[in-house]
Protein backbone atom coordinates (compact mmCIF):
# COMPACT_ATOMS: atom_id res chain seq x y z
CA UNK A 1 0.00 0.00 0.00
CA UNK A 2 2.83 2.38 0.83
CA UNK A 3 4.34 1.66 -2.57
CA UNK A 4 1.08 2.49 -4.28
CA UNK A 5 0.77 5.84 -2.45
CA UNK A 6 4.33 6.73 -3.39
CA UNK A 7 3.59 5.82 -7.00
CA UNK A 8 0.42 7.94 -7.02
CA UNK A 9 2.23 10.81 -5.31
CA UNK A 10 4.89 10.70 -8.00
CA UNK A 11 2.22 10.78 -10.74
CA UNK A 12 0.44 13.66 -9.00
CA UNK A 13 3.69 15.60 -8.79
CA UNK A 14 4.47 14.95 -12.47
CA UNK A 15 0.98 16.05 -13.57
CA UNK A 16 1.23 19.24 -11.55
CA UNK A 17 4.62 20.10 -13.03
CA UNK A 18 3.55 19.46 -16.61
CA UNK A 19 0.37 21.54 -16.23
CA UNK A 20 2.30 24.60 -15.04
CA UNK A 21 2.61 26.94 -18.04
CA UNK A 22 3.07 30.70 -18.54
CA UNK A 23 4.41 33.42 -16.29
CA UNK A 24 3.49 34.47 -12.81
CA UNK A 25 2.13 37.94 -12.15
CA UNK A 26 5.32 38.90 -10.31
CA UNK A 27 7.46 37.94 -13.33
CA UNK A 28 5.30 40.00 -15.68
CA UNK A 29 5.43 43.05 -13.38
CA UNK A 30 9.23 42.82 -13.18
CA UNK A 31 9.60 42.63 -16.97
CA UNK A 32 7.23 45.56 -17.54
CA UNK A 33 9.07 47.64 -14.91
CA UNK A 34 12.47 46.96 -16.47
CA UNK A 35 11.12 47.86 -19.93
CA UNK A 36 9.64 51.11 -18.58
CA UNK A 37 12.96 52.09 -17.00
CA UNK A 38 14.85 51.38 -20.23
CA UNK A 39 12.31 53.39 -22.25
CA UNK A 40 12.59 56.32 -19.83
CA UNK A 41 16.35 56.35 -20.39
CA UNK A 42 16.29 55.80 -24.17
CA UNK A 43 13.50 58.13 -25.35
CA UNK A 44 15.15 61.45 -24.35
CA UNK A 45 18.39 60.36 -26.03
CA UNK A 46 16.49 59.40 -29.18
CA UNK A 47 14.62 62.72 -29.24
CA UNK A 48 17.87 64.71 -29.06
CA UNK A 49 19.43 62.50 -31.76
CA UNK A 50 16.71 63.09 -34.39
CA UNK A 51 17.59 66.75 -35.27
CA UNK A 52 21.26 65.82 -35.77
CA UNK A 53 20.29 62.90 -37.99
CA UNK A 54 18.02 65.14 -40.10
CA UNK A 55 20.75 67.75 -40.51
CA UNK A 56 23.34 65.14 -41.48
CA UNK A 57 20.90 63.67 -43.98
CA UNK A 58 20.12 67.09 -45.50
CA UNK A 59 23.84 67.93 -45.77
CA UNK A 60 24.67 64.62 -47.44
CA UNK A 61 21.73 65.04 -49.83
CA UNK A 62 22.97 68.48 -50.86
CA UNK A 63 26.55 67.18 -51.20
CA UNK A 64 25.43 64.32 -53.47
CA UNK A 65 23.11 66.64 -55.43
CA UNK A 66 26.03 68.95 -56.20
CA UNK A 67 28.07 65.98 -57.41
CA UNK A 68 25.16 64.78 -59.57
CA UNK A 69 24.70 68.27 -61.00
CA UNK A 70 28.33 68.28 -62.09
CA UNK A 71 27.89 64.91 -63.82
CA UNK A 72 24.65 66.05 -65.45
CA UNK A 73 26.33 69.23 -66.79
CA UNK A 74 29.12 67.18 -68.34
CA UNK A 75 26.69 64.59 -69.70
CA UNK A 76 24.49 67.25 -71.36
CA UNK A 77 27.46 69.48 -72.20
CA UNK A 78 25.34 72.33 -70.86
CA UNK A 79 25.34 74.79 -67.97
CA UNK A 80 23.38 73.59 -64.95
CA UNK A 81 22.60 76.15 -62.25
CA UNK A 82 21.90 75.77 -58.54
CA UNK A 83 20.02 78.54 -56.74
CA UNK A 84 19.83 78.57 -52.93
CA UNK A 85 17.23 80.23 -50.71
CA UNK A 86 18.45 80.90 -47.17
CA UNK A 87 16.75 81.71 -43.89
CA UNK A 88 17.88 83.55 -40.77
CA UNK A 89 18.45 81.17 -37.87
CA UNK A 90 16.47 80.15 -35.73
CA UNK A 91 13.93 80.00 -38.55
CA UNK A 92 13.80 76.53 -40.05
CA UNK A 93 13.77 76.05 -43.79
CA UNK A 94 15.48 77.24 -46.90
CA UNK A 95 16.17 75.10 -49.91
CA UNK A 96 17.62 74.93 -53.38
CA UNK A 97 16.65 74.32 -56.96
CA UNK A 98 18.61 72.88 -59.85
CA UNK A 99 17.89 73.95 -63.43
CA UNK A 100 19.30 73.89 -66.95
CA UNK A 101 20.82 77.35 -67.45
CA UNK A 102 20.58 77.39 -71.24
CA UNK A 103 18.71 80.68 -71.83
CA UNK A 104 15.58 78.95 -73.14
CA UNK A 105 12.49 81.09 -73.65
CA UNK A 106 14.27 84.43 -73.47
CA UNK A 107 16.37 83.64 -70.41
CA UNK A 108 20.05 84.46 -70.11
CA UNK A 109 22.35 81.45 -70.44
CA UNK A 110 25.12 80.97 -67.88
CA UNK A 111 23.88 83.55 -65.36
CA UNK A 112 22.93 80.96 -62.67
CA UNK A 113 19.44 82.50 -62.51
CA UNK A 114 16.42 80.52 -63.62
CA UNK A 115 14.72 82.86 -66.05
CA UNK A 116 12.72 82.50 -69.25
CA UNK A 117 11.55 78.92 -69.58
CA UNK A 118 14.76 77.27 -68.37
CA UNK A 119 13.85 73.76 -67.25
CA UNK A 120 13.88 72.95 -63.55
CA UNK A 121 15.47 69.60 -62.75
CA UNK A 122 15.01 69.50 -58.97
CA UNK A 123 13.64 71.56 -56.10
CA UNK A 124 14.33 70.63 -52.48
CA UNK A 125 13.35 72.16 -49.14
CA UNK A 126 15.18 71.60 -45.87
CA UNK A 127 13.61 69.06 -43.47
CA UNK A 128 12.20 69.97 -40.05
CA UNK A 129 14.71 71.32 -37.50
CA UNK A 130 17.21 72.20 -40.28
CA UNK A 131 18.11 75.64 -41.62
CA UNK A 132 20.02 76.58 -44.75
CA UNK A 133 21.59 79.69 -43.21
CA UNK A 134 24.21 80.75 -45.73
CA UNK A 135 24.99 80.36 -49.42
CA UNK A 136 27.77 82.48 -50.83
CA UNK A 137 29.44 81.89 -54.18
CA UNK A 138 31.45 85.05 -54.84
CA UNK A 139 28.74 86.98 -53.00
CA UNK A 140 25.78 85.31 -54.75
CA UNK A 141 23.44 82.58 -53.47
CA UNK A 142 23.82 80.82 -56.84
CA UNK A 143 26.33 78.59 -58.53
CA UNK A 144 26.39 75.62 -60.84
CA UNK A 145 28.57 73.82 -63.36
CA UNK A 146 29.59 74.28 -66.96
CA UNK A 147 29.58 71.50 -69.52
CA UNK A 148 33.26 70.93 -68.63
CA UNK A 149 32.40 70.24 -64.97
CA UNK A 150 33.85 73.52 -63.69
CA UNK A 151 32.04 76.08 -61.49
CA UNK A 152 29.63 78.18 -63.52
CA UNK A 153 31.05 81.71 -63.90
CA UNK A 154 33.89 80.76 -61.52
CA UNK A 155 31.38 80.98 -58.67
CA UNK A 156 33.18 79.13 -55.89
CA UNK A 157 32.09 79.27 -52.27
CA UNK A 158 30.05 77.36 -49.75
CA UNK A 159 26.65 76.59 -48.30
CA UNK A 160 26.05 76.23 -44.54
CA UNK A 161 23.30 74.27 -42.83
CA UNK A 162 22.62 74.10 -39.12
CA UNK A 163 20.13 72.89 -36.55
CA UNK A 164 19.05 73.97 -33.07
CA UNK A 165 21.53 71.52 -31.46
CA UNK A 166 24.55 73.69 -32.43
CA UNK A 167 25.60 71.34 -35.21
CA UNK A 168 26.76 72.82 -38.53
CA UNK A 169 27.59 71.40 -41.95
CA UNK A 170 29.39 73.26 -44.72
CA UNK A 171 29.45 72.14 -48.35
CA UNK A 172 32.23 73.89 -50.29
CA UNK A 173 32.82 74.16 -54.03
CA UNK A 174 36.44 74.50 -55.23
CA UNK A 175 37.95 76.06 -58.39
CA UNK A 176 38.26 72.60 -59.92
CA UNK A 177 34.59 71.84 -59.28
CA UNK A 178 35.18 69.46 -56.37
CA UNK A 179 32.68 69.40 -53.52
CA UNK A 180 33.73 68.99 -49.88
CA UNK A 181 31.55 68.29 -46.84
CA UNK A 182 32.68 69.52 -43.41
CA UNK A 183 31.15 69.47 -39.91
CA UNK A 184 31.41 71.90 -36.99
CA UNK A 185 29.97 72.27 -33.52
CA UNK A 186 30.42 76.06 -33.42
CA UNK A 187 30.31 77.24 -37.05
CA UNK A 188 33.91 78.46 -36.79
CA UNK A 189 36.27 75.46 -36.66
CA UNK A 190 35.61 72.78 -39.28
CA UNK A 191 36.60 69.10 -39.56
C-alpha atoms as a PDB file:
ATOM      1  CA  UNK A   1       0.000   0.000   0.000  1.00  0.00           C
ATOM      2  CA  UNK A   2       2.828   2.383   0.826  1.00  0.00           C
ATOM      3  CA  UNK A   3       4.345   1.664  -2.565  1.00  0.00           C
ATOM      4  CA  UNK A   4       1.082   2.488  -4.284  1.00  0.00           C
ATOM      5  CA  UNK A   5       0.772   5.841  -2.448  1.00  0.00           C
ATOM      6  CA  UNK A   6       4.331   6.726  -3.388  1.00  0.00           C
ATOM      7  CA  UNK A   7       3.591   5.825  -6.996  1.00  0.00           C
ATOM      8  CA  UNK A   8       0.416   7.943  -7.016  1.00  0.00           C
ATOM      9  CA  UNK A   9       2.229  10.813  -5.308  1.00  0.00           C
ATOM     10  CA  UNK A  10       4.886  10.697  -7.997  1.00  0.00           C
ATOM     11  CA  UNK A  11       2.215  10.776 -10.744  1.00  0.00           C
ATOM     12  CA  UNK A  12       0.442  13.657  -9.004  1.00  0.00           C
ATOM     13  CA  UNK A  13       3.693  15.603  -8.794  1.00  0.00           C
ATOM     14  CA  UNK A  14       4.474  14.953 -12.466  1.00  0.00           C
ATOM     15  CA  UNK A  15       0.983  16.048 -13.566  1.00  0.00           C
ATOM     16  CA  UNK A  16       1.231  19.241 -11.551  1.00  0.00           C
ATOM     17  CA  UNK A  17       4.621  20.099 -13.030  1.00  0.00           C
ATOM     18  CA  UNK A  18       3.546  19.460 -16.609  1.00  0.00           C
ATOM     19  CA  UNK A  19       0.370  21.539 -16.230  1.00  0.00           C
ATOM     20  CA  UNK A  20       2.302  24.605 -15.039  1.00  0.00           C
ATOM     21  CA  UNK A  21       2.611  26.943 -18.038  1.00  0.00           C
ATOM     22  CA  UNK A  22       3.065  30.703 -18.536  1.00  0.00           C
ATOM     23  CA  UNK A  23       4.411  33.419 -16.293  1.00  0.00           C
ATOM     24  CA  UNK A  24       3.491  34.471 -12.811  1.00  0.00           C
ATOM     25  CA  UNK A  25       2.132  37.944 -12.153  1.00  0.00           C
ATOM     26  CA  UNK A  26       5.322  38.904 -10.313  1.00  0.00           C
ATOM     27  CA  UNK A  27       7.460  37.937 -13.328  1.00  0.00           C
ATOM     28  CA  UNK A  28       5.304  39.996 -15.681  1.00  0.00           C
ATOM     29  CA  UNK A  29       5.425  43.046 -13.378  1.00  0.00           C
ATOM     30  CA  UNK A  30       9.226  42.819 -13.176  1.00  0.00           C
ATOM     31  CA  UNK A  31       9.602  42.627 -16.971  1.00  0.00           C
ATOM     32  CA  UNK A  32       7.229  45.564 -17.538  1.00  0.00           C
ATOM     33  CA  UNK A  33       9.072  47.639 -14.911  1.00  0.00           C
ATOM     34  CA  UNK A  34      12.473  46.960 -16.473  1.00  0.00           C
ATOM     35  CA  UNK A  35      11.121  47.863 -19.935  1.00  0.00           C
ATOM     36  CA  UNK A  36       9.637  51.110 -18.581  1.00  0.00           C
ATOM     37  CA  UNK A  37      12.958  52.086 -17.003  1.00  0.00           C
ATOM     38  CA  UNK A  38      14.853  51.377 -20.234  1.00  0.00           C
ATOM     39  CA  UNK A  39      12.315  53.390 -22.251  1.00  0.00           C
ATOM     40  CA  UNK A  40      12.594  56.323 -19.827  1.00  0.00           C
ATOM     41  CA  UNK A  41      16.349  56.355 -20.391  1.00  0.00           C
ATOM     42  CA  UNK A  42      16.293  55.797 -24.175  1.00  0.00           C
ATOM     43  CA  UNK A  43      13.497  58.129 -25.353  1.00  0.00           C
ATOM     44  CA  UNK A  44      15.148  61.455 -24.347  1.00  0.00           C
ATOM     45  CA  UNK A  45      18.386  60.360 -26.033  1.00  0.00           C
ATOM     46  CA  UNK A  46      16.493  59.397 -29.176  1.00  0.00           C
ATOM     47  CA  UNK A  47      14.616  62.724 -29.240  1.00  0.00           C
ATOM     48  CA  UNK A  48      17.872  64.710 -29.055  1.00  0.00           C
ATOM     49  CA  UNK A  49      19.429  62.497 -31.759  1.00  0.00           C
ATOM     50  CA  UNK A  50      16.708  63.090 -34.391  1.00  0.00           C
ATOM     51  CA  UNK A  51      17.591  66.750 -35.272  1.00  0.00           C
ATOM     52  CA  UNK A  52      21.263  65.825 -35.768  1.00  0.00           C
ATOM     53  CA  UNK A  53      20.287  62.904 -37.990  1.00  0.00           C
ATOM     54  CA  UNK A  54      18.016  65.141 -40.101  1.00  0.00           C
ATOM     55  CA  UNK A  55      20.753  67.749 -40.505  1.00  0.00           C
ATOM     56  CA  UNK A  56      23.336  65.142 -41.478  1.00  0.00           C
ATOM     57  CA  UNK A  57      20.905  63.666 -43.977  1.00  0.00           C
ATOM     58  CA  UNK A  58      20.121  67.091 -45.496  1.00  0.00           C
ATOM     59  CA  UNK A  59      23.837  67.931 -45.773  1.00  0.00           C
ATOM     60  CA  UNK A  60      24.666  64.622 -47.440  1.00  0.00           C
ATOM     61  CA  UNK A  61      21.728  65.038 -49.828  1.00  0.00           C
ATOM     62  CA  UNK A  62      22.973  68.485 -50.865  1.00  0.00           C
ATOM     63  CA  UNK A  63      26.546  67.177 -51.199  1.00  0.00           C
ATOM     64  CA  UNK A  64      25.435  64.322 -53.466  1.00  0.00           C
ATOM     65  CA  UNK A  65      23.112  66.641 -55.425  1.00  0.00           C
ATOM     66  CA  UNK A  66      26.026  68.950 -56.198  1.00  0.00           C
ATOM     67  CA  UNK A  67      28.073  65.985 -57.412  1.00  0.00           C
ATOM     68  CA  UNK A  68      25.162  64.776 -59.569  1.00  0.00           C
ATOM     69  CA  UNK A  69      24.696  68.271 -61.005  1.00  0.00           C
ATOM     70  CA  UNK A  70      28.334  68.276 -62.089  1.00  0.00           C
ATOM     71  CA  UNK A  71      27.893  64.909 -63.816  1.00  0.00           C
ATOM     72  CA  UNK A  72      24.652  66.055 -65.448  1.00  0.00           C
ATOM     73  CA  UNK A  73      26.325  69.225 -66.792  1.00  0.00           C
ATOM     74  CA  UNK A  74      29.125  67.177 -68.342  1.00  0.00           C
ATOM     75  CA  UNK A  75      26.685  64.589 -69.704  1.00  0.00           C
ATOM     76  CA  UNK A  76      24.486  67.248 -71.360  1.00  0.00           C
ATOM     77  CA  UNK A  77      27.459  69.484 -72.200  1.00  0.00           C
ATOM     78  CA  UNK A  78      25.343  72.334 -70.860  1.00  0.00           C
ATOM     79  CA  UNK A  79      25.342  74.788 -67.967  1.00  0.00           C
ATOM     80  CA  UNK A  80      23.381  73.590 -64.948  1.00  0.00           C
ATOM     81  CA  UNK A  81      22.596  76.145 -62.248  1.00  0.00           C
ATOM     82  CA  UNK A  82      21.902  75.769 -58.535  1.00  0.00           C
ATOM     83  CA  UNK A  83      20.019  78.537 -56.738  1.00  0.00           C
ATOM     84  CA  UNK A  84      19.826  78.570 -52.926  1.00  0.00           C
ATOM     85  CA  UNK A  85      17.234  80.231 -50.710  1.00  0.00           C
ATOM     86  CA  UNK A  86      18.450  80.904 -47.174  1.00  0.00           C
ATOM     87  CA  UNK A  87      16.745  81.715 -43.888  1.00  0.00           C
ATOM     88  CA  UNK A  88      17.879  83.552 -40.767  1.00  0.00           C
ATOM     89  CA  UNK A  89      18.452  81.169 -37.870  1.00  0.00           C
ATOM     90  CA  UNK A  90      16.469  80.151 -35.731  1.00  0.00           C
ATOM     91  CA  UNK A  91      13.925  80.002 -38.547  1.00  0.00           C
ATOM     92  CA  UNK A  92      13.802  76.531 -40.052  1.00  0.00           C
ATOM     93  CA  UNK A  93      13.769  76.053 -43.786  1.00  0.00           C
ATOM     94  CA  UNK A  94      15.481  77.236 -46.896  1.00  0.00           C
ATOM     95  CA  UNK A  95      16.165  75.104 -49.912  1.00  0.00           C
ATOM     96  CA  UNK A  96      17.622  74.928 -53.378  1.00  0.00           C
ATOM     97  CA  UNK A  97      16.650  74.320 -56.956  1.00  0.00           C
ATOM     98  CA  UNK A  98      18.610  72.881 -59.853  1.00  0.00           C
ATOM     99  CA  UNK A  99      17.888  73.951 -63.434  1.00  0.00           C
ATOM    100  CA  UNK A 100      19.304  73.885 -66.953  1.00  0.00           C
ATOM    101  CA  UNK A 101      20.818  77.350 -67.449  1.00  0.00           C
ATOM    102  CA  UNK A 102      20.579  77.394 -71.242  1.00  0.00           C
ATOM    103  CA  UNK A 103      18.712  80.676 -71.829  1.00  0.00           C
ATOM    104  CA  UNK A 104      15.576  78.946 -73.135  1.00  0.00           C
ATOM    105  CA  UNK A 105      12.488  81.091 -73.648  1.00  0.00           C
ATOM    106  CA  UNK A 106      14.273  84.431 -73.468  1.00  0.00           C
ATOM    107  CA  UNK A 107      16.372  83.638 -70.409  1.00  0.00           C
ATOM    108  CA  UNK A 108      20.046  84.456 -70.115  1.00  0.00           C
ATOM    109  CA  UNK A 109      22.349  81.450 -70.442  1.00  0.00           C
ATOM    110  CA  UNK A 110      25.117  80.967 -67.881  1.00  0.00           C
ATOM    111  CA  UNK A 111      23.884  83.548 -65.359  1.00  0.00           C
ATOM    112  CA  UNK A 112      22.926  80.959 -62.667  1.00  0.00           C
ATOM    113  CA  UNK A 113      19.445  82.501 -62.509  1.00  0.00           C
ATOM    114  CA  UNK A 114      16.424  80.524 -63.618  1.00  0.00           C
ATOM    115  CA  UNK A 115      14.724  82.860 -66.053  1.00  0.00           C
ATOM    116  CA  UNK A 116      12.721  82.504 -69.245  1.00  0.00           C
ATOM    117  CA  UNK A 117      11.554  78.922 -69.583  1.00  0.00           C
ATOM    118  CA  UNK A 118      14.759  77.268 -68.373  1.00  0.00           C
ATOM    119  CA  UNK A 119      13.847  73.755 -67.253  1.00  0.00           C
ATOM    120  CA  UNK A 120      13.881  72.955 -63.547  1.00  0.00           C
ATOM    121  CA  UNK A 121      15.467  69.597 -62.749  1.00  0.00           C
ATOM    122  CA  UNK A 122      15.007  69.498 -58.966  1.00  0.00           C
ATOM    123  CA  UNK A 123      13.638  71.563 -56.100  1.00  0.00           C
ATOM    124  CA  UNK A 124      14.330  70.634 -52.477  1.00  0.00           C
ATOM    125  CA  UNK A 125      13.348  72.161 -49.142  1.00  0.00           C
ATOM    126  CA  UNK A 126      15.177  71.596 -45.866  1.00  0.00           C
ATOM    127  CA  UNK A 127      13.612  69.060 -43.473  1.00  0.00           C
ATOM    128  CA  UNK A 128      12.198  69.967 -40.054  1.00  0.00           C
ATOM    129  CA  UNK A 129      14.710  71.319 -37.499  1.00  0.00           C
ATOM    130  CA  UNK A 130      17.212  72.202 -40.281  1.00  0.00           C
ATOM    131  CA  UNK A 131      18.109  75.635 -41.620  1.00  0.00           C
ATOM    132  CA  UNK A 132      20.020  76.581 -44.747  1.00  0.00           C
ATOM    133  CA  UNK A 133      21.587  79.692 -43.215  1.00  0.00           C
ATOM    134  CA  UNK A 134      24.214  80.747 -45.729  1.00  0.00           C
ATOM    135  CA  UNK A 135      24.994  80.363 -49.423  1.00  0.00           C
ATOM    136  CA  UNK A 136      27.766  82.485 -50.833  1.00  0.00           C
ATOM    137  CA  UNK A 137      29.438  81.891 -54.181  1.00  0.00           C
ATOM    138  CA  UNK A 138      31.446  85.049 -54.843  1.00  0.00           C
ATOM    139  CA  UNK A 139      28.745  86.975 -53.001  1.00  0.00           C
ATOM    140  CA  UNK A 140      25.785  85.307 -54.747  1.00  0.00           C
ATOM    141  CA  UNK A 141      23.442  82.577 -53.467  1.00  0.00           C
ATOM    142  CA  UNK A 142      23.818  80.822 -56.839  1.00  0.00           C
ATOM    143  CA  UNK A 143      26.326  78.585 -58.533  1.00  0.00           C
ATOM    144  CA  UNK A 144      26.395  75.619 -60.843  1.00  0.00           C
ATOM    145  CA  UNK A 145      28.568  73.822 -63.364  1.00  0.00           C
ATOM    146  CA  UNK A 146      29.586  74.284 -66.960  1.00  0.00           C
ATOM    147  CA  UNK A 147      29.582  71.504 -69.518  1.00  0.00           C
ATOM    148  CA  UNK A 148      33.259  70.926 -68.632  1.00  0.00           C
ATOM    149  CA  UNK A 149      32.400  70.241 -64.973  1.00  0.00           C
ATOM    150  CA  UNK A 150      33.848  73.520 -63.695  1.00  0.00           C
ATOM    151  CA  UNK A 151      32.045  76.078 -61.493  1.00  0.00           C
ATOM    152  CA  UNK A 152      29.630  78.175 -63.516  1.00  0.00           C
ATOM    153  CA  UNK A 153      31.051  81.706 -63.898  1.00  0.00           C
ATOM    154  CA  UNK A 154      33.891  80.764 -61.522  1.00  0.00           C
ATOM    155  CA  UNK A 155      31.381  80.983 -58.667  1.00  0.00           C
ATOM    156  CA  UNK A 156      33.181  79.132 -55.887  1.00  0.00           C
ATOM    157  CA  UNK A 157      32.092  79.272 -52.274  1.00  0.00           C
ATOM    158  CA  UNK A 158      30.046  77.362 -49.750  1.00  0.00           C
ATOM    159  CA  UNK A 159      26.648  76.594 -48.302  1.00  0.00           C
ATOM    160  CA  UNK A 160      26.050  76.230 -44.541  1.00  0.00           C
ATOM    161  CA  UNK A 161      23.304  74.267 -42.831  1.00  0.00           C
ATOM    162  CA  UNK A 162      22.625  74.104 -39.118  1.00  0.00           C
ATOM    163  CA  UNK A 163      20.128  72.888 -36.546  1.00  0.00           C
ATOM    164  CA  UNK A 164      19.050  73.968 -33.069  1.00  0.00           C
ATOM    165  CA  UNK A 165      21.527  71.525 -31.461  1.00  0.00           C
ATOM    166  CA  UNK A 166      24.551  73.686 -32.433  1.00  0.00           C
ATOM    167  CA  UNK A 167      25.602  71.340 -35.214  1.00  0.00           C
ATOM    168  CA  UNK A 168      26.760  72.825 -38.530  1.00  0.00           C
ATOM    169  CA  UNK A 169      27.590  71.401 -41.954  1.00  0.00           C
ATOM    170  CA  UNK A 170      29.387  73.255 -44.723  1.00  0.00           C
ATOM    171  CA  UNK A 171      29.447  72.142 -48.355  1.00  0.00           C
ATOM    172  CA  UNK A 172      32.230  73.891 -50.295  1.00  0.00           C
ATOM    173  CA  UNK A 173      32.815  74.162 -54.034  1.00  0.00           C
ATOM    174  CA  UNK A 174      36.443  74.498 -55.229  1.00  0.00           C
ATOM    175  CA  UNK A 175      37.951  76.058 -58.388  1.00  0.00           C
ATOM    176  CA  UNK A 176      38.263  72.602 -59.924  1.00  0.00           C
ATOM    177  CA  UNK A 177      34.591  71.836 -59.279  1.00  0.00           C
ATOM    178  CA  UNK A 178      35.182  69.463 -56.370  1.00  0.00           C
ATOM    179  CA  UNK A 179      32.681  69.401 -53.521  1.00  0.00           C
ATOM    180  CA  UNK A 180      33.729  68.992 -49.879  1.00  0.00           C
ATOM    181  CA  UNK A 181      31.546  68.291 -46.835  1.00  0.00           C
ATOM    182  CA  UNK A 182      32.678  69.519 -43.405  1.00  0.00           C
ATOM    183  CA  UNK A 183      31.154  69.472 -39.909  1.00  0.00           C
ATOM    184  CA  UNK A 184      31.415  71.899 -36.989  1.00  0.00           C
ATOM    185  CA  UNK A 185      29.965  72.272 -33.518  1.00  0.00           C
ATOM    186  CA  UNK A 186      30.418  76.059 -33.422  1.00  0.00           C
ATOM    187  CA  UNK A 187      30.306  77.238 -37.046  1.00  0.00           C
ATOM    188  CA  UNK A 188      33.914  78.458 -36.788  1.00  0.00           C
ATOM    189  CA  UNK A 189      36.265  75.455 -36.658  1.00  0.00           C
ATOM    190  CA  UNK A 190      35.610  72.779 -39.279  1.00  0.00           C
ATOM    191  CA  UNK A 191      36.598  69.105 -39.557  1.00  0.00           C
END
